[in-house]
Protein backbone atom coordinates (compact mmCIF):
# COMPACT_ATOMS: atom_id res chain seq x y z
CA LEU A 1 99.28 24.60 146.70
CA ARG A 2 97.69 28.29 146.97
CA PHE A 3 95.56 27.19 144.16
CA ILE A 4 94.40 23.95 145.00
CA LYS A 5 93.11 25.65 148.45
CA LYS A 6 91.17 27.64 146.22
CA THR A 7 89.80 25.36 143.86
CA LEU A 8 89.65 22.88 146.40
CA LYS A 9 87.28 25.83 148.66
CA THR A 10 84.81 27.55 146.18
CA HIS A 11 84.76 24.29 143.29
CA ALA A 12 84.70 21.50 145.47
CA ASP A 13 81.79 19.95 144.31
CA GLU A 14 83.12 20.09 140.42
CA GLU A 15 83.00 17.35 139.16
CA VAL A 16 86.83 16.54 137.70
CA THR A 17 87.75 12.86 136.69
CA LEU A 18 85.71 9.36 135.52
CA HIS A 19 86.39 6.36 138.18
CA LYS A 20 86.04 3.44 136.91
CA GLY A 21 82.44 5.05 134.54
CA SER A 22 81.30 7.57 137.32
CA THR A 23 82.89 10.92 137.30
CA MET A 24 83.92 12.21 140.39
CA THR A 25 84.56 15.57 142.54
CA LEU A 26 87.14 17.66 143.33
CA LYS A 27 85.83 17.02 147.05
CA ALA A 28 85.84 13.46 146.60
CA VAL A 29 89.15 13.07 144.80
CA PHE A 30 90.04 14.63 148.13
CA GLN A 31 88.31 12.63 150.42
CA SER A 32 89.51 9.10 148.36
CA MET A 33 92.71 10.30 149.69
CA ASN A 34 91.98 11.28 153.26
CA LEU A 35 93.15 14.73 152.65
CA SER A 36 91.34 18.40 153.85
CA THR A 37 92.22 21.77 152.43
CA TYR A 38 94.23 22.14 156.40
CA ASP A 39 96.74 18.79 155.63
CA LEU A 40 98.22 20.70 152.52
CA THR A 41 101.21 21.90 153.48
CA VAL A 42 104.12 23.17 150.12
CA ASP A 43 106.29 19.80 151.93
CA MET A 44 103.50 17.70 151.85
CA LEU A 45 102.73 18.37 148.00
CA ASP A 46 106.11 17.20 147.39
CA VAL A 47 107.15 19.02 143.81
CA HIS A 48 110.21 20.70 144.70
CA ALA A 49 113.21 20.52 142.42
CA ASP A 50 115.96 19.20 144.32
CA ARG A 51 120.00 17.58 143.05
CA ASN A 52 118.58 13.75 143.31
CA THR A 53 115.77 15.56 140.13
CA PHE A 54 118.78 16.41 137.58
CA HIS A 55 120.18 12.68 137.76
CA ARG A 56 117.20 10.39 137.94
CA PHE A 57 114.65 10.64 134.97
CA ASP A 58 111.96 8.43 136.77
CA LYS A 59 112.23 11.33 140.19
CA PHE A 60 111.82 14.24 138.11
CA ASN A 61 108.68 12.34 136.64
CA ALA A 62 107.49 11.37 140.31
CA LYS A 63 106.91 15.55 141.07
CA TYR A 64 104.60 16.22 138.70
CA ASN A 65 102.13 14.08 140.93
CA PRO A 66 101.18 16.55 143.52
CA ILE A 67 101.74 14.37 146.73
CA GLY A 68 102.55 11.33 144.66
CA GLU A 69 99.10 11.01 143.21
CA SER A 70 98.97 10.51 139.24
CA ARG A 71 94.63 11.54 139.95
CA LEU A 72 96.24 15.33 141.30
CA ARG A 73 98.08 15.51 138.63
CA GLU A 74 95.75 14.51 135.53
CA VAL A 75 92.97 16.86 137.18
CA PHE A 76 95.46 19.76 138.21
CA LEU A 77 98.55 19.52 135.06
CA LYS A 78 96.87 18.18 132.70
CA THR A 79 95.78 19.73 129.18
CA ASP A 80 93.34 17.22 127.87
CA ASN A 81 91.68 15.54 131.30
CA TYR A 82 88.00 15.35 131.71
CA MET A 83 87.21 19.33 131.68
CA ASN A 84 89.54 19.97 128.65
CA GLY A 85 92.56 21.23 131.18
CA LYS A 86 89.98 23.71 132.91
CA TYR A 87 92.49 23.88 136.02
CA PHE A 88 96.33 23.85 134.16
CA ALA A 89 94.70 27.00 132.60
CA ARG A 90 94.02 28.82 135.48
CA ILE A 91 96.75 27.81 137.21
CA ILE A 92 99.40 29.39 134.17
CA LYS A 93 97.15 32.54 133.93
CA GLU A 94 97.90 32.98 137.19
CA VAL A 95 101.16 32.34 137.04
CA ALA A 96 101.55 34.98 133.86
CA SER A 97 99.64 37.27 135.75
CA ASP A 98 102.27 37.25 138.75
CA LEU A 99 105.00 37.97 135.66
CA GLU A 100 103.18 40.54 133.84
CA GLU A 101 102.44 42.37 137.06
CA SER A 102 106.74 41.47 138.10
CA LYS A 103 107.24 43.17 133.63
CA TYR A 104 110.87 42.28 133.63
CA GLN A 105 110.82 38.10 134.49
CA ASN A 106 109.67 35.50 131.48
CA ALA A 107 109.21 31.67 131.27
CA GLU A 108 109.25 29.05 128.66
CA LEU A 109 106.70 26.57 129.57
CA ARG A 110 107.02 22.50 128.29
CA LEU A 111 103.74 21.31 127.37
CA SER A 112 103.78 17.37 125.55
CA ILE A 113 103.00 16.00 122.43
CA TYR A 114 103.00 12.46 122.23
CA GLY A 115 103.31 11.27 118.61
CA LYS A 116 100.53 9.12 119.79
CA SER A 117 97.78 10.51 117.56
CA PRO A 118 97.50 13.20 115.43
CA SER A 119 94.52 14.59 116.42
CA GLU A 120 96.66 15.74 119.44
CA TRP A 121 98.34 19.67 117.91
CA ALA A 122 94.26 20.97 117.22
CA LYS A 123 93.56 19.05 120.88
CA LEU A 124 96.54 20.93 122.10
CA ALA A 125 95.60 24.76 120.49
CA LYS A 126 91.96 24.23 121.04
CA TRP A 127 92.92 24.43 124.78
CA ALA A 128 94.68 26.62 123.64
CA ILE A 129 92.94 28.77 122.39
CA GLN A 130 89.66 28.28 124.56
CA TYR A 131 91.41 29.59 127.96
CA ASN A 132 93.40 32.17 126.45
CA VAL A 133 97.13 31.49 127.85
CA TYR A 134 98.40 33.84 125.53
CA SER A 135 99.87 36.08 127.46
CA ASP A 136 103.49 38.23 126.29
CA ASN A 137 106.48 37.50 129.09
CA VAL A 138 105.32 33.43 128.45
CA ARG A 139 106.76 31.20 124.85
CA TRP A 140 106.51 27.70 124.97
CA LEU A 141 108.86 24.74 124.63
CA ILE A 142 106.89 21.41 122.65
CA GLN A 143 108.43 18.44 124.88
CA ILE A 144 108.48 14.52 123.21
CA PRO A 145 108.69 11.63 124.88
CA ARG A 146 110.84 8.82 123.48
CA LEU A 147 107.62 5.99 123.53
CA TYR A 148 107.52 4.46 119.96
CA ASP A 149 108.42 1.08 121.49
CA ILE A 150 105.20 1.98 124.32
CA PHE A 151 102.93 2.82 120.88
CA LYS A 152 104.27 -1.04 119.42
CA SER A 153 103.77 -2.59 122.03
CA ASN A 154 100.27 -2.04 122.73
CA LYS A 155 99.48 -2.83 119.34
CA ILE A 156 98.54 1.68 118.78
CA MET A 157 100.82 1.30 115.55
CA ASN A 158 103.03 -0.53 113.24
CA ASN A 159 106.55 1.43 112.33
CA PHE A 160 107.88 4.85 113.12
CA GLN A 161 106.57 6.85 110.63
CA GLU A 162 103.68 6.63 111.77
CA PHE A 163 104.92 7.39 115.21
CA LEU A 164 106.80 11.08 113.86
CA SER A 165 104.28 11.58 110.56
CA ASN A 166 101.11 12.39 113.73
CA ILE A 167 104.12 14.87 115.17
CA PHE A 168 104.76 16.59 111.79
CA LEU A 169 101.92 16.02 109.20
CA PRO A 170 99.73 18.62 111.06
CA LEU A 171 102.57 21.63 111.12
CA PHE A 172 102.63 20.87 107.71
CA GLU A 173 99.23 20.50 106.62
CA VAL A 174 98.73 24.13 108.64
CA THR A 175 102.06 25.65 107.27
CA ASN A 176 100.71 25.02 104.18
CA ASP A 177 97.07 26.41 104.92
CA PRO A 178 96.67 28.23 107.66
CA ASN A 179 92.18 28.06 107.22
CA SER A 180 92.65 23.97 107.82
CA ASN A 181 93.03 24.64 111.36
CA LEU A 182 93.72 28.23 112.67
CA GLU A 183 93.94 27.52 116.57
CA LEU A 184 96.95 25.84 115.16
CA HIS A 185 97.90 28.43 112.98
CA LYS A 186 98.38 31.03 115.84
CA PHE A 187 99.23 28.86 118.91
CA LEU A 188 102.11 27.66 116.58
CA THR A 189 102.97 31.70 116.80
CA HIS A 190 104.04 30.58 120.35
CA VAL A 191 105.80 28.45 120.02
CA VAL A 192 109.37 28.42 120.11
CA GLY A 193 110.70 24.92 119.80
CA PHE A 194 111.04 21.37 120.45
CA ASP A 195 113.07 19.39 122.76
CA SER A 196 113.45 15.32 122.32
CA VAL A 197 112.74 14.08 126.74
CA ASP A 198 112.78 10.61 128.08
CA ASP A 199 114.91 8.49 130.67
CA GLU A 200 118.98 9.20 128.92
CA SER A 201 120.09 6.88 131.33
CA LYS A 202 118.81 3.93 129.85
CA PRO A 203 121.27 0.94 128.63
CA GLU A 204 120.94 1.73 124.09
CA ASN A 205 122.04 0.27 121.19
CA PRO A 206 123.54 3.81 119.35
CA MET A 207 125.16 1.52 115.91
CA LEU A 208 123.49 3.18 113.34
CA ASP A 209 124.76 2.37 109.98
CA PRO A 210 125.16 2.09 106.55
CA ASP A 211 121.89 -0.57 106.45
CA VAL A 212 119.85 1.08 109.44
CA LYS A 213 115.74 0.67 108.85
CA SER A 214 113.95 3.68 107.35
CA PRO A 215 110.98 4.78 109.90
CA GLU A 216 108.75 3.41 107.23
CA GLU A 217 110.57 -0.32 107.48
CA TRP A 218 111.12 0.20 111.51
CA ASP A 219 108.68 -1.91 113.25
CA ASP A 220 110.52 -3.21 116.16
CA GLU A 221 109.55 -4.05 119.01
CA GLU A 222 112.44 -1.94 120.58
CA ASN A 223 112.25 1.97 121.10
CA PRO A 224 115.01 3.50 117.80
CA PRO A 225 118.45 4.96 119.14
CA TYR A 226 118.97 8.49 120.45
CA ALA A 227 120.84 10.27 117.65
CA TYR A 228 117.77 7.92 115.52
CA TYR A 229 115.29 10.04 117.42
CA LEU A 230 116.91 13.18 116.79
CA TYR A 231 117.87 12.71 113.61
CA TYR A 232 114.63 12.48 112.03
CA MET A 233 112.91 15.26 113.80
CA TYR A 234 115.89 17.30 113.45
CA ALA A 235 115.31 16.37 109.63
CA ASN A 236 111.38 16.73 109.73
CA MET A 237 111.94 20.50 111.05
CA THR A 238 114.81 21.48 109.26
CA VAL A 239 112.24 21.55 105.52
CA LEU A 240 109.19 22.23 108.13
CA ASN A 241 110.87 25.54 108.86
CA HIS A 242 112.14 26.03 105.63
CA PHE A 243 108.79 25.81 104.40
CA ARG A 244 107.20 28.84 107.03
CA LYS A 245 110.31 31.09 106.46
CA GLU A 246 108.70 30.76 102.33
CA GLN A 247 105.30 31.15 104.17
CA GLY A 248 106.74 34.14 106.17
CA LEU A 249 105.61 32.49 109.96
CA ASN A 250 107.97 31.90 113.25
CA THR A 251 110.59 29.08 112.19
CA PHE A 252 111.17 26.40 115.47
CA VAL A 253 114.62 24.95 117.25
CA LEU A 254 115.81 21.91 118.64
CA ARG A 255 116.84 21.70 121.90
CA PRO A 256 116.46 18.50 123.35
């Protein structure tokens, strides 16, 4: 809340997003929602975790939208928006400096990699290095939403192997040759592990038998079961970790 108010006062005329092909300033975004800095309160932001958020994934997810507005989530809490995640980086740096000041507090923050395209890692690392979000008190966990079915139905990919390759291939490449992307190499030294996230209450058919399709054959419209996702994440990470260890680099944990 403090950050949003401060930014509205000092950077109201900064162009922050695209809407129907034209840019919008921060002031215009808030005007379009009929809001001014005076209206904003912590309760109104409605981003507190309460007990419902731990049972209902949809409610948990909705809490990322300040005032229930996905546009504010995009402007303030994304790394890959119109401003290349400038505000999100500033918020993190403020949080990190509070942690450093209090000395004995640490945070493990989560960033998303979607597996939609192999360039996501380079973009994320570029953001982290460009805005120098590094802090001794912060480590990063990468969360991977289980969205294969959405990518498939939107014809972004043909099979599950493409999803896995988009996530892991860039990591193998940069482990093999850190000079191929120094930003990513640096960023990964502060990543501690991976998480797999989605709505765990969705019913699914968890039947995994010896005839189950391999990832390059999995071209169904439906999502593979949770256990299938996890097995292939685990298998890729195990090989990646052995490789990184041989290279003298940090390794990752799977913490779904």
